[in-house]
Amino acid sequence: MSHYNAAIVGCGRIGSEFDEDPMMRKNYGIASHAGAYMNHPEIKLVAAADISAEKRQKFSLRWGVNRVYADYSEMLRNENIDILSICTPNFTHYDIFEKAIERGVRAIFCEKPISDSLENADKMVKIIQENDVTFLVNHRRRWDHLYLDLRKLIGEGGLGDIHQVSCYYNGGIANTGCHIFDVLRMLFGEARFVTAWRKDSHEKDDPNMDGYLVFENDVTVSMQSLDIQNYMIFEFDIYGAKRRFRIKQNGFEVGFWEAIASYRYDGLNELVLQDSPIVLQDPAMFKNAIQNIVDSLKGNAKSNCSGEDGVKALEMISAFHLSALTDKTVSLPLKERTYYVKSK
């Protein structure tokens, strides 16, 4: 075919508006679903839906898309859509997803978390499998060369056996924490145990939470939150037996240390700052994700962040909530699949 028709449900920040921010464009190149579709030569952005008339008008003017709808169901009925982005709050994802599948949409690019409960997320995975649909969750670091190169470095033993990991984030355990959890799975496999507690009040829908996780091979991870009103943070500090690797400034800086013979203490090693073996590249996460969709539709690739990956991240979010509620360590995988998680 000459092109794939794309449409978007949700014309807010990640759907469109981030590309109106000059700083986002400067630092990320492409910063929204709409911008990513408009950038790809094989995709035509044909329609969008949002309940806000103001957002619909802004979207139409910004991208030159005339067919904008207040009701996404009407859009799905009227438009011939190959690829659909779901850029709405997580409690709406399942219904939009189900209707898109019924209308024959071939590929779905879904914002995170995948859904509002593991029960609904499990249903989505089952439907994906039964209908042979291309499905991606926008845990965007799955398409970031920094994290892909780090996974390779760890997998090849470049840091030695992993002994301790610390993570720092803000912006809510579901909204931002899901990115932390997905990165941890990329690097260290499946989590086995979670112990967590709230940092914010019980009135907050998506609180910051702190906790400890134990992964395969007994890799232990501490996860610590900070108030986004003070500053934003998204960092990892990974200590291996041979070397230490730190992701700083939301992935725009890294640090690398190697254990060498100490010049202070006889018979001991110290971590000494070295040049990083991973060279940072210009961010191309959205560009790479959209290419992943096109390659998948052509049968040349699989989703780099599948429905199953989305379920696993949501499972760790749910485990943090359940551990905090019960003051107990929670084992994974979770048997409780109905716990409700709300995200922005």
Protein backbone atom coordinates (compact mmCIF):
# COMPACT_ATOMS: atom_id res chain seq x y z
CA MET A 1 0.00 0.00 0.00
CA SER A 2 1.12 3.59 -0.60
CA HIS A 3 0.52 4.69 2.97
CA TYR A 4 -1.06 3.76 6.30
CA ASN A 5 -3.91 5.91 7.66
CA ALA A 6 -3.35 7.00 11.26
CA ALA A 7 -5.73 8.61 13.76
CA ILE A 8 -5.46 9.79 17.35
CA VAL A 9 -7.86 9.71 20.29
CA GLY A 10 -6.82 12.45 22.71
CA CYS A 11 -5.37 15.70 21.38
CA GLY A 12 -3.66 16.81 24.58
CA ARG A 13 0.01 16.97 25.50
CA ILE A 14 1.36 13.60 24.38
CA GLY A 15 -1.14 13.36 21.52
CA SER A 16 -0.17 16.71 20.01
CA GLU A 17 0.67 19.65 22.25
CA PHE A 18 4.22 18.71 23.28
CA ASP A 19 5.27 19.51 19.71
CA GLU A 20 4.14 23.10 20.27
CA ASP A 21 6.81 23.50 22.96
CA PRO A 22 10.11 24.76 21.44
CA MET A 23 12.12 23.22 24.30
CA MET A 24 10.54 19.80 23.76
CA ARG A 25 11.23 20.03 20.03
CA LYS A 26 14.82 21.07 20.68
CA ASN A 27 15.54 18.28 23.15
CA TYR A 28 13.44 15.44 21.74
CA GLY A 29 13.06 16.27 18.06
CA ILE A 30 9.60 14.71 17.86
CA ALA A 31 7.57 14.99 21.04
CA SER A 32 4.03 13.78 20.25
CA HIS A 33 2.10 11.06 18.45
CA ALA A 34 0.87 13.54 15.85
CA GLY A 35 4.38 14.82 15.20
CA ALA A 36 5.66 11.27 14.79
CA TYR A 37 2.96 10.33 12.29
CA MET A 38 3.46 13.51 10.29
CA ASN A 39 7.19 12.77 10.12
CA HIS A 40 6.85 9.27 8.64
CA PRO A 41 6.71 9.09 4.81
CA GLU A 42 4.48 6.00 4.79
CA ILE A 43 1.85 7.33 7.20
CA LYS A 44 -0.97 9.81 6.62
CA LEU A 45 -2.58 11.38 9.70
CA VAL A 46 -6.24 11.50 8.64
CA ALA A 47 -8.33 12.15 11.76
CA ALA A 48 -8.42 12.83 15.49
CA ALA A 49 -10.93 12.85 18.33
CA ASP A 50 -11.17 14.75 21.61
CA ILE A 51 -14.01 15.79 23.87
CA SER A 52 -12.56 19.32 24.06
CA ALA A 53 -13.58 21.64 21.21
CA GLU A 54 -10.58 23.84 21.94
CA LYS A 55 -8.15 20.94 21.64
CA ARG A 56 -9.79 19.75 18.43
CA GLN A 57 -9.44 23.21 16.88
CA LYS A 58 -5.81 23.56 17.94
CA PHE A 59 -5.03 20.09 16.59
CA SER A 60 -6.67 20.79 13.25
CA LEU A 61 -4.83 24.08 12.78
CA ARG A 62 -1.49 22.68 13.93
CA TRP A 63 -1.45 19.59 11.73
CA GLY A 64 -3.81 20.47 8.88
CA VAL A 65 -6.18 17.62 9.76
CA ASN A 66 -9.75 18.62 8.92
CA ARG A 67 -11.60 15.55 10.14
CA VAL A 68 -11.75 16.00 13.93
CA TYR A 69 -14.44 14.46 16.11
CA ALA A 70 -15.94 15.00 19.56
CA ASP A 71 -16.83 11.28 19.71
CA TYR A 72 -14.08 8.74 18.99
CA SER A 73 -16.73 6.08 18.24
CA GLU A 74 -18.02 8.21 15.38
CA MET A 75 -14.47 8.63 14.08
CA LEU A 76 -13.92 4.88 14.14
CA ARG A 77 -17.17 4.34 12.23
CA ASN A 78 -16.48 6.97 9.58
CA GLU A 79 -12.75 6.66 8.94
CA ASN A 80 -10.63 3.95 7.36
CA ILE A 81 -7.93 3.67 10.05
CA ASP A 82 -4.90 1.40 9.97
CA ILE A 83 -3.08 2.80 13.03
CA LEU A 84 -4.73 4.30 16.11
CA SER A 85 -3.04 6.15 18.97
CA ILE A 86 -4.82 6.08 22.33
CA CYS A 87 -3.67 9.19 24.21
CA THR A 88 -6.34 9.43 26.90
CA PRO A 89 -6.40 8.61 30.65
CA ASN A 90 -5.82 4.96 31.46
CA PHE A 91 -9.40 4.30 32.64
CA THR A 92 -10.60 4.93 29.05
CA HIS A 93 -8.08 2.68 27.30
CA TYR A 94 -9.97 -0.60 27.35
CA ASP A 95 -13.20 0.75 25.84
CA ILE A 96 -11.36 2.63 23.06
CA PHE A 97 -9.17 -0.39 22.37
CA GLU A 98 -12.15 -2.76 22.18
CA LYS A 99 -14.06 -0.53 19.74
CA ALA A 100 -10.94 -0.07 17.59
CA ILE A 101 -10.51 -3.83 17.29
CA GLU A 102 -14.19 -4.22 16.36
CA ARG A 103 -13.67 -1.67 13.55
CA GLY A 104 -10.67 -3.57 12.16
CA VAL A 105 -7.84 -1.24 13.21
CA ARG A 106 -4.61 -3.10 12.47
CA ALA A 107 -2.18 -1.38 14.84
CA ILE A 108 -2.68 0.40 18.17
CA PHE A 109 -0.16 2.67 19.90
CA CYS A 110 -1.37 3.01 23.48
CA GLU A 111 -0.21 5.43 26.15
CA LYS A 112 0.81 4.11 29.55
CA PRO A 113 -0.25 2.55 31.84
CA ILE A 114 -1.87 0.06 29.51
CA SER A 115 -5.18 0.10 31.42
CA ASP A 116 -6.78 0.75 34.81
CA SER A 117 -6.69 -2.83 36.11
CA LEU A 118 -4.82 -6.03 35.43
CA GLU A 119 -8.16 -7.67 34.67
CA ASN A 120 -8.77 -5.30 31.75
CA ALA A 121 -5.13 -5.44 30.66
CA ASP A 122 -5.28 -9.24 30.56
CA LYS A 123 -8.38 -9.02 28.37
CA MET A 124 -6.56 -6.67 26.01
CA VAL A 125 -3.66 -9.10 25.62
CA LYS A 126 -6.06 -11.95 24.89
CA ILE A 127 -7.86 -9.88 22.22
CA ILE A 128 -4.52 -8.87 20.67
CA GLN A 129 -3.50 -12.51 20.39
CA GLU A 130 -6.84 -13.62 18.95
CA ASN A 131 -6.92 -10.85 16.34
CA ASP A 132 -3.23 -10.72 15.38
CA VAL A 133 -3.07 -6.98 16.07
CA THR A 134 0.12 -4.92 16.25
CA PHE A 135 0.07 -3.35 19.70
CA LEU A 136 2.63 -1.06 21.34
CA VAL A 137 2.62 0.56 24.78
CA ASN A 138 4.47 3.86 24.87
CA HIS A 139 7.09 2.97 27.45
CA ARG A 140 9.26 5.12 25.24
CA ARG A 141 12.68 4.04 26.50
CA ARG A 142 12.12 0.75 24.66
CA TRP A 143 13.12 2.74 21.56
CA ASP A 144 15.95 4.76 23.16
CA HIS A 145 19.49 3.79 22.14
CA LEU A 146 20.82 4.62 25.61
CA TYR A 147 18.69 2.01 27.34
CA LEU A 148 19.07 -0.54 24.55
CA ASP A 149 22.86 -0.16 24.68
CA LEU A 150 22.81 -0.41 28.47
CA ARG A 151 20.78 -3.63 28.30
CA LYS A 152 23.40 -5.06 25.96
CA LEU A 153 26.26 -3.91 28.21
CA ILE A 154 24.68 -5.54 31.28
CA GLY A 155 23.75 -8.69 29.36
CA GLU A 156 27.33 -9.11 28.18
CA GLY A 157 28.66 -8.76 31.73
CA GLY A 158 30.09 -5.30 31.16
CA LEU A 159 29.29 -4.21 34.72
CA GLY A 160 29.85 -7.60 36.30
CA ASP A 161 27.19 -9.22 38.47
CA ILE A 162 24.63 -6.57 39.45
CA HIS A 163 24.61 -5.98 43.21
CA GLN A 164 22.52 -2.86 43.86
CA VAL A 165 20.30 -0.49 41.87
CA SER A 166 18.79 2.82 42.95
CA CYS A 167 16.08 4.70 41.03
CA TYR A 168 14.77 8.22 41.48
CA TYR A 169 11.56 9.62 40.00
CA ASN A 170 8.63 11.95 40.54
CA GLY A 171 5.22 12.54 39.02
CA GLY A 172 3.29 9.56 40.42
CA ILE A 173 3.83 5.81 40.72
CA ALA A 174 1.56 5.12 37.73
CA ASN A 175 2.26 8.10 35.49
CA THR A 176 6.07 8.06 35.78
CA GLY A 177 6.73 4.98 37.86
CA CYS A 178 5.53 2.74 35.04
CA HIS A 179 8.52 3.95 32.97
CA ILE A 180 10.86 3.04 35.83
CA PHE A 181 9.31 -0.43 36.11
CA ASP A 182 9.54 -1.08 32.37
CA VAL A 183 13.21 -0.07 32.28
CA LEU A 184 13.96 -2.34 35.24
CA ARG A 185 12.35 -5.26 33.41
CA MET A 186 14.34 -4.45 30.28
CA LEU A 187 17.57 -4.58 32.24
CA PHE A 188 17.02 -7.21 34.94
CA GLY A 189 14.11 -9.48 34.00
CA GLU A 190 11.07 -10.16 36.15
CA ALA A 191 10.43 -8.80 39.64
CA ARG A 192 9.75 -11.38 42.36
CA PHE A 193 8.95 -9.33 45.46
CA VAL A 194 7.82 -5.77 46.25
CA THR A 195 7.72 -3.84 49.52
CA ALA A 196 6.36 -0.29 49.24
CA TRP A 197 4.88 2.65 51.10
CA ARG A 198 3.21 5.96 50.24
CA LYS A 199 5.00 9.28 50.23
CA ASP A 200 1.84 11.28 49.43
CA SER A 201 -1.56 11.49 51.13
CA HIS A 202 -4.30 8.91 50.57
CA GLU A 203 -6.38 11.58 48.84
CA LYS A 204 -4.01 11.71 45.88
CA ASP A 205 -5.11 9.51 42.96
CA ASP A 206 -1.59 8.81 41.70
CA PRO A 207 0.76 9.19 44.67
CA ASN A 208 4.50 9.08 44.80
CA MET A 209 5.57 5.84 46.47
CA ASP A 210 8.90 4.49 47.65
CA GLY A 211 9.87 0.85 47.88
CA TYR A 212 12.19 -2.09 47.36
CA LEU A 213 12.04 -4.74 44.66
CA VAL A 214 13.84 -8.05 44.28
CA PHE A 215 14.37 -9.25 40.70
CA GLU A 216 15.66 -12.42 39.13
CA ASN A 217 19.19 -13.42 40.20
CA ASP A 218 18.49 -11.56 43.48
CA VAL A 219 19.09 -8.11 41.98
CA THR A 220 17.81 -5.66 44.60
CA VAL A 221 16.39 -2.28 43.65
CA SER A 222 15.46 0.72 45.77
CA MET A 223 12.95 3.13 44.28
CA GLN A 224 12.74 6.63 45.73
CA SER A 225 10.46 9.54 44.87
CA LEU A 226 10.90 13.30 45.09
CA ASP A 227 8.49 16.22 44.83
CA ILE A 228 8.13 17.37 41.22
CA GLN A 229 7.35 20.88 42.48
CA ASN A 230 11.05 21.20 43.37
CA TYR A 231 12.54 19.67 40.22
CA MET A 232 12.02 16.76 37.82
CA ILE A 233 14.12 13.65 38.12
CA PHE A 234 14.35 10.27 36.35
CA GLU A 235 17.61 8.52 37.20
CA PHE A 236 19.17 5.10 37.65
CA ASP A 237 22.34 4.24 39.57
CA ILE A 238 23.53 0.69 38.86
CA TYR A 239 26.35 -0.95 40.83
CA GLY A 240 27.97 -4.05 39.38
CA ALA A 241 30.86 -6.05 40.78
CA LYS A 242 33.25 -4.45 38.26
CA ARG A 243 31.73 -1.11 37.30
CA ARG A 244 29.04 1.46 38.07
CA PHE A 245 26.74 3.11 35.52
CA ARG A 246 24.51 6.09 36.24
CA ILE A 247 21.79 7.64 34.07
CA LYS A 248 21.42 11.32 34.96
CA GLN A 249 19.34 14.31 33.86
CA ASN A 250 16.52 12.17 32.43
CA GLY A 251 18.91 10.36 30.12
CA PHE A 252 20.74 13.40 28.75
CA GLU A 253 23.87 12.62 30.82
CA VAL A 254 25.56 9.43 32.01
CA GLY A 255 28.36 8.51 34.37
CA PHE A 256 30.63 5.46 34.30
CA TRP A 257 33.05 4.24 36.97
CA GLU A 258 35.44 1.27 37.00
CA ALA A 259 36.78 -0.60 40.01
CA ILE A 260 40.58 -0.32 39.99
CA ALA A 261 43.31 -0.73 42.59
CA SER A 262 43.02 1.95 45.24
CA TYR A 263 45.77 4.52 45.60
CA ARG A 264 44.61 5.15 49.18
CA TYR A 265 44.19 1.68 50.67
CA ASP A 266 46.43 -1.33 50.01
CA GLY A 267 44.64 -4.43 48.76
CA LEU A 268 41.32 -2.70 47.99
CA ASN A 269 39.66 -1.33 44.86
CA GLU A 270 37.94 2.00 44.32
CA LEU A 271 35.45 3.18 41.73
CA VAL A 272 37.17 5.68 39.44
CA LEU A 273 35.35 7.85 36.88
CA GLN A 274 36.02 6.78 33.29
CA ASP A 275 34.76 7.59 29.79
CA SER A 276 31.43 5.90 29.19
CA PRO A 277 31.36 2.98 26.73
CA ILE A 278 27.88 4.14 25.72
CA VAL A 279 27.85 7.20 23.48
CA LEU A 280 24.69 9.29 23.75
CA GLN A 281 22.75 9.85 20.54
CA ASP A 282 20.11 12.40 19.62
CA PRO A 283 16.77 11.19 21.04
CA ALA A 284 14.65 9.44 18.43
CA MET A 285 12.21 7.51 20.60
CA PHE A 286 8.99 8.50 18.84
CA LYS A 287 10.58 8.15 15.42
CA ASN A 288 11.83 4.65 16.27
CA ALA A 289 8.51 3.61 17.80
CA ILE A 290 6.54 4.60 14.70
CA GLN A 291 9.04 2.76 12.52
CA ASN A 292 8.52 -0.27 14.76
CA ILE A 293 4.79 -0.06 14.01
CA VAL A 294 5.33 0.14 10.25
CA ASP A 295 7.83 -2.72 10.29
CA SER A 296 5.40 -4.81 12.34
CA LEU A 297 2.55 -4.15 9.90
CA LYS A 298 4.83 -5.31 7.09
CA GLY A 299 5.66 -8.49 8.99
CA ASN A 300 9.30 -7.54 9.42
CA ALA A 301 9.37 -6.97 13.19
CA LYS A 302 7.55 -7.49 16.47
CA SER A 303 6.50 -4.86 18.97
CA ASN A 304 9.40 -3.67 21.13
CA CYS A 305 6.90 -2.97 23.92
CA SER A 306 4.02 -5.39 23.72
CA GLY A 307 0.76 -5.76 25.58
CA GLU A 308 2.46 -8.30 27.83
CA ASP A 309 5.11 -5.68 28.69
CA GLY A 310 2.35 -3.22 29.52
CA VAL A 311 0.70 -5.78 31.81
CA LYS A 312 3.95 -6.42 33.68
CA ALA A 313 4.52 -2.71 34.34
CA LEU A 314 0.92 -2.30 35.56
CA GLU A 315 1.40 -5.37 37.75
CA MET A 316 4.32 -3.70 39.55
CA ILE A 317 2.30 -0.49 39.99
CA SER A 318 -0.53 -2.55 41.50
CA ALA A 319 1.93 -4.43 43.71
CA PHE A 320 3.26 -1.15 45.11
CA HIS A 321 -0.29 -0.06 45.98
CA LEU A 322 -1.19 -3.41 47.54
CA SER A 323 2.00 -3.55 49.60
CA ALA A 324 1.42 -0.02 50.90
CA LEU A 325 -2.20 -0.85 51.76
CA THR A 326 -1.36 -4.04 53.66
CA ASP A 327 2.07 -3.15 55.08
CA LYS A 328 3.30 -6.46 53.68
CA THR A 329 5.74 -7.70 51.08
CA VAL A 330 3.88 -8.71 47.91
CA SER A 331 4.94 -11.59 45.67
CA LEU A 332 4.79 -11.44 41.87
CA PRO A 333 3.04 -12.41 39.66
CA LEU A 334 -0.07 -11.02 41.36
CA LYS A 335 -3.12 -13.16 41.91
CA GLU A 336 -5.23 -10.04 42.57
CA ARG A 337 -6.14 -8.73 39.09
CA THR A 338 -9.04 -6.37 39.89
CA TYR A 339 -7.23 -3.63 41.82
CA TYR A 340 -8.00 -0.26 40.24
CA VAL A 341 -5.13 2.08 39.29
CA LYS A 342 -5.78 5.66 38.25
CA SER A 343 -3.30 7.67 36.21
CA LYS A 344 -3.33 11.03 34.45
